[in-house]
Every structure is written in C-alpha cells, then in structure tokens.
Protein backbone atom coordinates (compact mmCIF):
# COMPACT_ATOMS: atom_id res chain seq x y z
CA MET A 1 58.95 135.94 -145.29
CA THR A 2 60.24 133.93 -142.22
CA ARG A 3 60.45 130.57 -141.28
CA ASN A 4 59.99 130.39 -137.69
CA SER A 5 61.22 126.28 -137.43
CA SER A 6 64.31 124.66 -136.96
CA SER A 7 65.40 122.69 -139.75
CA SER A 8 65.22 118.76 -138.72
CA SER A 9 68.60 117.96 -137.81
CA GLY A 10 70.02 114.70 -136.95
CA ASN A 11 73.60 112.46 -136.42
CA SER A 12 74.32 109.86 -137.95
CA SER A 13 75.29 107.61 -135.39
CA GLY A 14 72.19 107.78 -132.47
CA GLY A 15 69.98 106.07 -135.42
CA GLY A 16 67.43 109.30 -134.97
CA GLY A 17 67.12 112.71 -136.57
CA CYS A 18 67.44 116.45 -134.20
CA LYS A 19 64.62 117.98 -133.74
CA VAL A 20 63.31 121.13 -131.59
CA GLN A 21 60.38 120.18 -129.90
CA PHE A 22 58.74 123.25 -128.39
CA ASN A 23 55.97 121.13 -126.21
CA ASN A 24 58.47 118.40 -124.16
CA LEU A 25 61.65 119.55 -125.30
CA ASN A 26 62.18 116.22 -127.14
CA CYS A 27 65.43 117.12 -129.34
CA THR A 28 64.66 112.89 -130.75
CA GLY A 29 63.45 112.52 -133.94
CA PRO A 30 62.99 109.69 -136.37
CA TYR A 31 64.38 109.91 -140.13
CA LEU A 32 62.30 109.31 -142.87
CA PRO A 33 61.83 105.72 -144.00
CA ALA A 34 63.84 105.12 -146.93
CA VAL A 35 61.12 105.28 -149.42
CA GLU A 36 60.02 108.31 -148.67
CA ARG A 37 62.86 110.24 -148.02
CA SER A 38 64.05 108.69 -152.00
CA VAL A 39 60.87 110.03 -153.18
CA ILE A 40 61.14 113.67 -151.89
CA LEU A 41 64.64 113.24 -152.80
CA THR A 42 63.87 113.09 -156.44
CA ILE A 43 61.14 115.17 -156.88
CA ILE A 44 63.57 117.86 -155.20
CA THR A 45 65.99 117.41 -157.49
CA VAL A 46 64.14 117.73 -160.40
CA SER A 47 62.71 120.57 -158.67
CA ILE A 48 66.72 122.25 -158.74
CA VAL A 49 67.91 121.27 -161.83
CA ALA A 50 64.54 122.55 -163.26
CA THR A 51 64.78 125.70 -161.50
CA VAL A 52 68.50 126.14 -163.02
CA LEU A 53 68.20 125.08 -165.72
CA GLY A 54 65.55 127.64 -166.58
CA ASN A 55 66.36 130.42 -165.27
CA LEU A 56 69.87 129.33 -166.56
CA LEU A 57 67.41 130.19 -170.07
CA ILE A 58 66.63 133.02 -169.54
CA VAL A 59 70.08 134.99 -168.61
CA GLY A 60 71.05 133.04 -171.71
CA ALA A 61 67.95 134.23 -173.52
CA VAL A 62 68.41 137.95 -172.96
CA ALA A 63 72.58 137.73 -172.67
CA SER A 64 72.56 136.37 -176.95
CA THR A 65 69.17 138.27 -178.10
CA ARG A 66 69.79 141.69 -179.06
CA GLN A 67 66.19 142.15 -178.96
CA LEU A 68 65.51 141.27 -175.82
CA ARG A 69 68.34 143.58 -174.07
CA THR A 70 66.11 146.82 -173.09
CA ARG A 71 66.06 148.43 -169.91
CA ALA A 72 62.11 147.05 -169.91
CA ASN A 73 63.54 143.40 -169.42
CA ALA A 74 65.99 144.29 -167.17
CA LEU A 75 63.41 143.36 -164.62
CA ALA A 76 62.61 140.22 -165.32
CA LEU A 77 65.98 139.43 -165.76
CA SER A 78 67.20 140.55 -162.42
CA LEU A 79 64.53 138.28 -161.24
CA ALA A 80 65.49 135.51 -162.94
CA VAL A 81 69.27 135.77 -161.96
CA SER A 82 67.32 136.38 -158.09
CA ASP A 83 65.37 132.69 -159.25
CA LEU A 84 68.68 131.18 -159.73
CA LEU A 85 70.40 131.77 -156.91
CA ILE A 86 67.84 130.54 -154.99
CA GLY A 87 68.05 127.09 -157.24
CA LEU A 88 72.32 127.25 -156.81
CA LEU A 89 72.15 128.29 -153.22
CA ILE A 90 68.68 128.14 -151.23
CA MET A 91 67.10 124.14 -152.11
CA PRO A 92 70.25 122.38 -152.30
CA VAL A 93 69.89 123.26 -148.32
CA ARG A 94 66.24 122.98 -147.95
CA MET A 95 66.57 119.76 -149.15
CA LEU A 96 69.34 117.95 -146.83
CA GLY A 97 66.99 119.27 -143.96
CA THR A 98 63.69 118.13 -145.02
CA VAL A 99 65.23 115.02 -146.94
CA TYR A 100 67.88 113.84 -143.68
CA GLN A 101 66.62 116.41 -141.28
CA CYS A 102 70.50 117.47 -140.09
CA TRP A 103 72.20 120.34 -140.53
CA PHE A 104 75.41 119.01 -141.41
CA LEU A 105 77.32 122.70 -141.41
CA ASP A 106 78.74 124.67 -138.49
CA GLU A 107 76.24 127.08 -136.47
CA VAL A 108 77.49 130.22 -138.04
CA LEU A 109 76.91 128.98 -141.76
CA CYS A 110 73.60 128.15 -139.95
CA HIS A 111 72.42 131.93 -139.67
CA VAL A 112 74.25 132.39 -143.23
CA ALA A 113 71.97 130.31 -144.50
CA TYR A 114 69.24 131.91 -143.33
CA PHE A 115 70.46 135.07 -144.22
CA VAL A 116 70.45 134.57 -147.56
CA ASP A 117 67.46 132.31 -147.45
CA TYR A 118 65.47 135.47 -146.56
CA THR A 119 67.45 137.98 -148.94
CA LEU A 120 66.18 136.11 -152.28
CA THR A 121 62.83 135.51 -150.93
CA THR A 122 62.85 139.08 -149.85
CA THR A 123 64.61 139.99 -152.88
CA SER A 124 61.74 138.45 -155.42
CA ILE A 125 59.07 140.00 -153.23
CA PHE A 126 60.96 143.38 -154.33
CA HIS A 127 60.76 142.56 -157.67
CA VAL A 128 57.25 141.78 -157.91
CA GLY A 129 57.04 145.25 -156.70
CA ALA A 130 59.06 147.24 -159.17
CA ILE A 131 57.70 145.38 -161.90
CA ALA A 132 54.35 146.18 -160.83
CA TYR A 133 55.30 149.72 -160.55
CA ASP A 134 56.97 149.44 -164.19
CA ARG A 135 54.05 148.02 -165.84
CA HIS A 136 51.95 150.58 -163.67
CA VAL A 137 53.20 153.31 -165.29
CA ALA A 138 53.86 151.75 -169.10
CA ILE A 139 50.36 150.99 -169.17
CA CYS A 140 48.76 153.97 -166.97
CA ASP A 141 50.94 156.74 -168.11
CA PRO A 142 52.64 155.96 -171.50
CA LEU A 143 53.56 159.01 -172.86
CA ARG A 144 55.13 160.18 -169.77
CA TYR A 145 57.01 156.61 -169.37
CA PRO A 146 60.45 157.17 -171.33
CA ALA A 147 60.86 159.97 -168.77
CA ARG A 148 59.76 158.58 -165.43
CA VAL A 149 61.68 155.02 -166.15
CA THR A 150 64.92 156.03 -166.91
CA ASN A 151 68.29 154.06 -166.76
CA ARG A 152 68.94 156.02 -163.07
CA THR A 153 65.53 154.96 -162.44
CA LEU A 154 66.01 151.52 -162.92
CA GLY A 155 69.23 151.65 -161.46
CA LEU A 156 67.67 152.33 -158.62
CA MET A 157 64.49 150.10 -158.53
CA LEU A 158 67.37 147.02 -159.29
CA ALA A 159 69.70 148.71 -156.12
CA LEU A 160 66.48 148.94 -153.92
CA CYS A 161 65.76 144.80 -155.14
CA TRP A 162 69.05 144.15 -154.39
CA LEU A 163 70.48 145.57 -152.03
CA GLY A 164 67.88 146.96 -150.11
CA ALA A 165 66.68 143.31 -148.85
CA ALA A 166 69.98 142.72 -147.83
CA LEU A 167 70.04 145.31 -145.40
CA PHE A 168 66.31 145.09 -144.55
CA THR A 169 66.75 141.03 -143.59
CA ALA A 170 70.33 142.03 -141.68
CA PRO A 171 69.07 141.45 -138.28
CA THR A 172 69.03 138.06 -139.15
CA LEU A 173 72.39 137.66 -138.78
CA ILE A 174 72.40 139.76 -135.06
CA SER A 175 70.92 138.14 -132.00
CA LEU A 176 66.97 139.53 -131.28
CA VAL A 177 66.94 135.98 -129.36
CA PRO A 178 64.26 136.29 -126.40
CA THR A 179 66.02 134.95 -123.24
CA TRP A 180 62.71 132.30 -123.47
CA SER A 181 64.04 131.12 -126.54
CA ARG A 182 67.61 131.57 -125.23
CA GLY A 183 67.04 129.03 -122.11
CA ILE A 184 65.39 126.09 -124.96
CA ILE A 185 68.50 126.30 -126.95
CA GLU A 186 70.60 125.87 -123.49
CA ARG A 187 68.77 122.94 -122.33
CA VAL A 188 68.06 121.06 -125.39
CA GLY A 189 69.52 122.60 -128.22
CA CYS A 190 71.17 119.54 -131.03
CA PRO A 191 74.52 120.06 -132.30
CA ASP A 192 73.56 119.42 -135.60
CA ASP A 193 70.01 120.98 -135.24
CA CYS A 194 69.92 124.87 -137.19
CA SER A 195 67.45 126.41 -135.19
CA PHE A 196 66.88 130.27 -135.50
CA PHE A 197 64.23 131.44 -133.07
CA VAL A 198 62.79 135.36 -133.15
CA SER A 199 60.25 137.22 -131.32
CA VAL A 200 57.10 137.44 -132.77
CA GLY A 201 57.10 141.05 -133.17
CA PHE A 202 60.13 140.34 -135.32
CA HIS A 203 58.97 137.64 -137.14
CA PHE A 204 55.60 139.14 -137.77
CA PHE A 205 56.91 142.60 -139.66
CA PHE A 206 59.91 141.04 -141.50
CA GLY A 207 57.80 138.31 -142.19
CA GLU A 208 54.42 137.98 -142.57
CA THR A 209 53.75 141.84 -143.04
CA THR A 210 56.25 142.55 -145.82
CA TYR A 211 54.54 139.67 -147.90
CA LEU A 212 51.17 140.78 -147.31
CA VAL A 213 51.92 144.39 -147.86
CA SER A 214 53.24 143.49 -150.98
CA LEU A 215 50.57 141.51 -152.56
CA VAL A 216 47.36 143.82 -151.19
CA THR A 217 49.42 146.61 -152.90
CA VAL A 218 50.05 144.66 -156.53
CA VAL A 219 46.91 143.27 -156.56
CA GLY A 220 45.67 147.01 -156.06
CA VAL A 221 48.08 147.95 -158.62
CA TYR A 222 46.99 144.89 -161.36
CA ALA A 223 43.09 145.96 -161.10
CA LYS A 224 43.90 149.38 -162.18
CA ILE A 225 46.14 148.24 -164.92
CA TYR A 226 43.52 145.89 -166.22
CA VAL A 227 41.22 148.39 -166.20
CA VAL A 228 42.72 151.10 -167.62
CA ALA A 229 44.12 148.16 -170.43
CA ARG A 230 40.61 147.48 -170.37
CA ARG A 231 39.52 150.70 -172.10
CA GLN A 232 42.15 151.10 -174.07
CA ALA A 233 41.93 147.93 -176.05
CA ARG A 234 38.42 149.21 -176.96
CA GLN A 235 40.27 152.42 -178.33
CA ILE A 236 42.53 150.06 -180.46
CA GLN A 237 39.87 148.09 -181.09
CA ALA A 238 38.25 151.24 -182.29
CA ASN A 239 40.71 152.94 -183.89
CA ALA A 240 42.30 149.56 -186.25
CA ASN A 241 39.89 149.72 -189.22
CA THR A 242 41.00 153.79 -189.21
CA ALA A 243 44.53 153.46 -188.64
CA GLY A 244 45.85 154.96 -191.57
CA ASP A 245 48.94 156.55 -191.46
CA GLY A 246 52.28 154.63 -189.60
CA ASN A 247 52.29 156.85 -186.01
CA ASN A 248 48.91 155.45 -185.60
CA ARG A 249 49.53 152.53 -186.89
CA SER A 250 53.13 152.35 -184.36
CA ALA A 251 51.10 153.91 -181.71
CA LEU A 252 48.65 150.59 -181.46
CA SER A 253 51.28 148.69 -182.58
CA ASN A 254 53.01 149.85 -178.50
CA MET A 255 50.09 149.77 -176.87
CA LYS A 256 49.53 146.48 -177.84
CA ARG A 257 52.86 145.06 -177.35
CA GLU A 258 52.57 146.82 -173.39
CA HIS A 259 49.53 144.65 -172.97
CA ASN A 260 50.97 141.14 -173.95
CA ALA A 261 53.72 142.15 -171.03
CA ALA A 262 51.46 143.34 -168.64
CA LYS A 263 49.82 139.89 -169.07
CA THR A 264 53.13 138.50 -169.14
CA LEU A 265 54.60 139.97 -166.04
CA GLY A 266 50.97 139.33 -164.63
CA ALA A 267 50.88 135.87 -164.76
CA ILE A 268 54.34 135.74 -163.24
CA ILE A 269 53.59 137.76 -160.31
CA GLY A 270 50.45 136.36 -159.65
CA VAL A 271 52.61 132.56 -159.16
CA PHE A 272 55.11 133.97 -156.83
CA MET A 273 52.52 135.81 -154.61
CA PHE A 274 49.73 132.92 -154.62
CA ALA A 275 52.52 130.16 -154.34
CA TRP A 276 53.79 132.14 -151.32
CA LEU A 277 50.57 132.63 -149.91
CA PRO A 278 49.80 128.73 -148.30
CA PHE A 279 52.88 129.43 -146.01
CA VAL A 280 52.28 132.34 -145.08
CA LEU A 281 48.80 131.48 -144.16
CA VAL A 282 50.76 128.20 -141.90
CA VAL A 283 53.45 130.29 -140.64
CA THR A 284 50.92 133.62 -139.28
CA THR A 285 48.44 130.93 -138.22
CA THR A 286 50.47 128.16 -136.14
CA PRO A 287 53.18 130.61 -134.03
CA GLY A 288 55.18 128.44 -131.88
CA VAL A 289 52.53 125.60 -132.40
CA ALA A 290 54.56 121.96 -132.43
CA SER A 291 52.80 119.51 -133.70
CA VAL A 292 53.81 116.66 -137.15
CA ALA A 293 51.13 118.24 -139.07
CA VAL A 294 52.26 122.15 -138.90
CA GLY A 295 55.79 120.50 -139.76
CA VAL A 296 54.52 118.47 -142.54
CA SER A 297 52.45 121.97 -143.65
CA LEU A 298 55.30 123.97 -143.03
CA GLU A 299 58.13 122.04 -144.80
CA VAL A 300 55.18 121.11 -148.20
CA THR A 301 53.86 124.88 -148.53
CA MET A 302 57.75 125.94 -148.10
CA TRP A 303 58.34 123.34 -151.20
CA MET A 304 55.09 124.75 -153.30
CA GLY A 305 57.17 128.82 -152.76
CA TYR A 306 60.86 127.75 -153.79
CA THR A 307 59.77 125.64 -156.80
CA SER A 308 57.51 128.90 -158.41
CA SER A 309 61.23 129.66 -159.04
CA ALA A 310 61.03 127.08 -161.59
CA VAL A 311 58.21 128.39 -163.52
CA ASN A 312 59.21 131.64 -165.17
CA PRO A 313 60.57 130.29 -167.64
CA PHE A 314 57.15 128.06 -168.88
CA LEU A 315 55.44 131.14 -168.59
CA TYR A 316 57.74 133.27 -170.67
CA ALA A 317 58.03 130.31 -173.18
CA LEU A 318 54.42 129.67 -172.95
CA LEU A 319 53.02 133.19 -173.12
CA ASN A 320 56.02 135.23 -174.93
CA ARG A 321 57.04 135.15 -179.30
CA HIS A 322 60.11 136.40 -178.05
CA PHE A 323 61.38 134.68 -174.99
CA ARG A 324 60.10 131.74 -176.81
CA ALA A 325 62.08 131.89 -179.94
CA ALA A 326 65.20 133.60 -178.08
CA PHE A 327 64.93 129.73 -176.41
CA ARG A 328 65.18 127.62 -179.42
CA ASP A 329 68.14 130.22 -180.41
CA VAL A 330 69.74 129.25 -176.97
CA LEU A 331 69.00 125.53 -177.04
CA CYS A 332 70.30 125.47 -180.43
CA LEU A 333 66.41 124.00 -182.25
CA ARG A 334 66.63 126.72 -184.74
CA GLY A 335 69.65 128.27 -187.56
CA ASP A 336 69.04 131.67 -187.45
CA GLY A 337 70.04 133.44 -184.23
CA GLY A 338 68.97 135.40 -182.34
CA GLU A 339 71.01 138.45 -183.13
CA ARG A 340 69.97 137.88 -186.81
CA ARG A 341 66.11 139.06 -186.07
CA THR A 342 65.25 142.97 -185.89
CA GLY A 343 63.21 144.89 -184.34
CA SER A 344 62.57 145.05 -180.31
CA ALA A 345 60.59 143.14 -177.67
CA THR A 346 60.39 146.17 -175.65
CA ALA A 347 58.63 145.43 -172.04
CA LEU A 348 58.51 141.58 -173.03
CA ASP A 349 56.18 141.52 -176.13
C-alpha cells in the first residue's frame, strides 16, 4: 500500500506548517491547535505503546513457552515481529508528521522512511497470504500437511515475506518521479517537507493492486476453509459418540485444534485486511486530489491501518487459551511456568 501524499511538515520559526498543495502550489499551512495536537499525540502514543508491548508479549510468550514453539506458530511469530517493527520504526515517525506537521530529518532519511514503511506493510500483507495458505493446507488437506508444510517450505515462506517484500518495494529508493512532479518539487518544495511522488501506474500496481489482490485471494481461501471446516465439524459431531479407540480420539482432537487455529488466524487476518481497507479506498478514489477533507481522511484511515498492529495480542488472548496462559506466565500472573505444561499447541489451537 502506498501513500501518495506528502508528510505534512513545517519549520518552527515560520509559525506555520510546510505542506505541498497540488492545486495552488502553496507550501505553507498552519500548525494544529495546541489542544487538538495534545489529544492526537496522546491517542497515537497509547497506540504505539500498545503495539510495541503487545507484540513483545507475543514474542516473549513463544520464546518462553515450549508448547508454542512449533512450525505452525512460526508465521504468527514472524507477523508479530513485523507488527513490532511497525510500532518501533514507523508509527513514531508518522506521529511526528501528523502531530507537528513537520519533517525533522534530511531527504535521504525521508526516502528510507518511505521504504521501511512500504516494506513492513507489504511484509504484513505477505504474512497474511502465507498464513492463509498454511491454514488451507491444514484444513483442506490434513493428511498431506506434514509433507507439504515442511521446515524448508516454512523457511521459503518466511523468506518471501521478508526479502520478497523488500525487493518488491525497492523501487521506492529509486527516482521514479515523473517530469511534472519534479517541476512542482523544484518550484515549491519546502526544505522541511518529506514528499514522495510516484507515477500513477507505479502507485496503483505496487500499492493498491497488492492489497486488493491479497484481499480477494484471502477471502476466497477462507471461504473454502469455512466450507470444508463446516463439513468436518459435522463429521466430528457424528463421530463424537463412537470414537472409542485412541486413534479416533487423537484424530478428532487434532481436527478441533486446526479448526480453532483457523478461527483465531481468520480473525487476525480479517482485522488486518479490513483495518487497511478504508485507507486503500481513499487513496484509490482520490489520486492527486488536494483538499482538507482528503488530507484528514488519509491521516485518519492511515492510523486505522497502523493501529491494527496493536490488536493481534488482544485477539490471541481472547481466542487462544494457550497464548492466554503463556501471557500470564510472561507477566508473572501465575506460578506454574510455561515450560511445565505438556502437550503441544500446534497451529495455535
């Protein structure tokens, strides 16, 4: 997902913000009122703290709880690391632009900031696709799951999520600015403004197409998972009273775990995709439009997307009893310790 508007900026001596406007080529805009700035600063700071601490809790839970250290949980852990980096690297920088309407760093760091932003959000999208694939195989082809999702397969998926995302967004570090945008920057660019202009084709293909294709694909995959899971649930119910031997009981238990995992991860995927949907719709329907309403809409919907990174820990705690117990261990709210528990929490049951 790309952001085709500049980060608002300003300088302290001029008494106003520095903002590129496409319509009148005016780069001076007012600061936010002090009260409004304080309220926004407080809300965003709380979101950043929740994102960082919540995802640190997920990492700590997996690292300290033996039954959570499984191949099936590796993708969820990697997604938590991505969300953690968004909270540490991206949200604080965006907060400065939103609250102070200023870019305090140099031009090189401006491009680096966009690259890191695009890479981490694209990484999250790729994780969503990888998780959907993992759940699809586990539910729809359970007998072949161990053979299809091996350590090698998992390593390739993680490499695609991280290295693939970095390569995919690498063009943001290259000058892809069309001639007309260069002219605007030369004439009205402010020294403390972080503006990143891209061609419409680059913006649409590398931004909204990535998200929309992922959304349609993931919804389709989970629709199939839902149909198969419903059919298996009926089988579980029919066999519940006749599962007398240990093999049948074990098979039914494994099937229930996979279904619970699909529900938990489906909720996580749904929150991420639909949290970013308003932003994508605003960006897609208002290319090159400069107005107060569009600017406010972009800021609000952008932060809706970012704060989705803070929601996942709450979803784990709400929907997953193993993570809930591990969180209590990490927070020292119980005394039996994660390492003392037996069994496994395969696929986030």
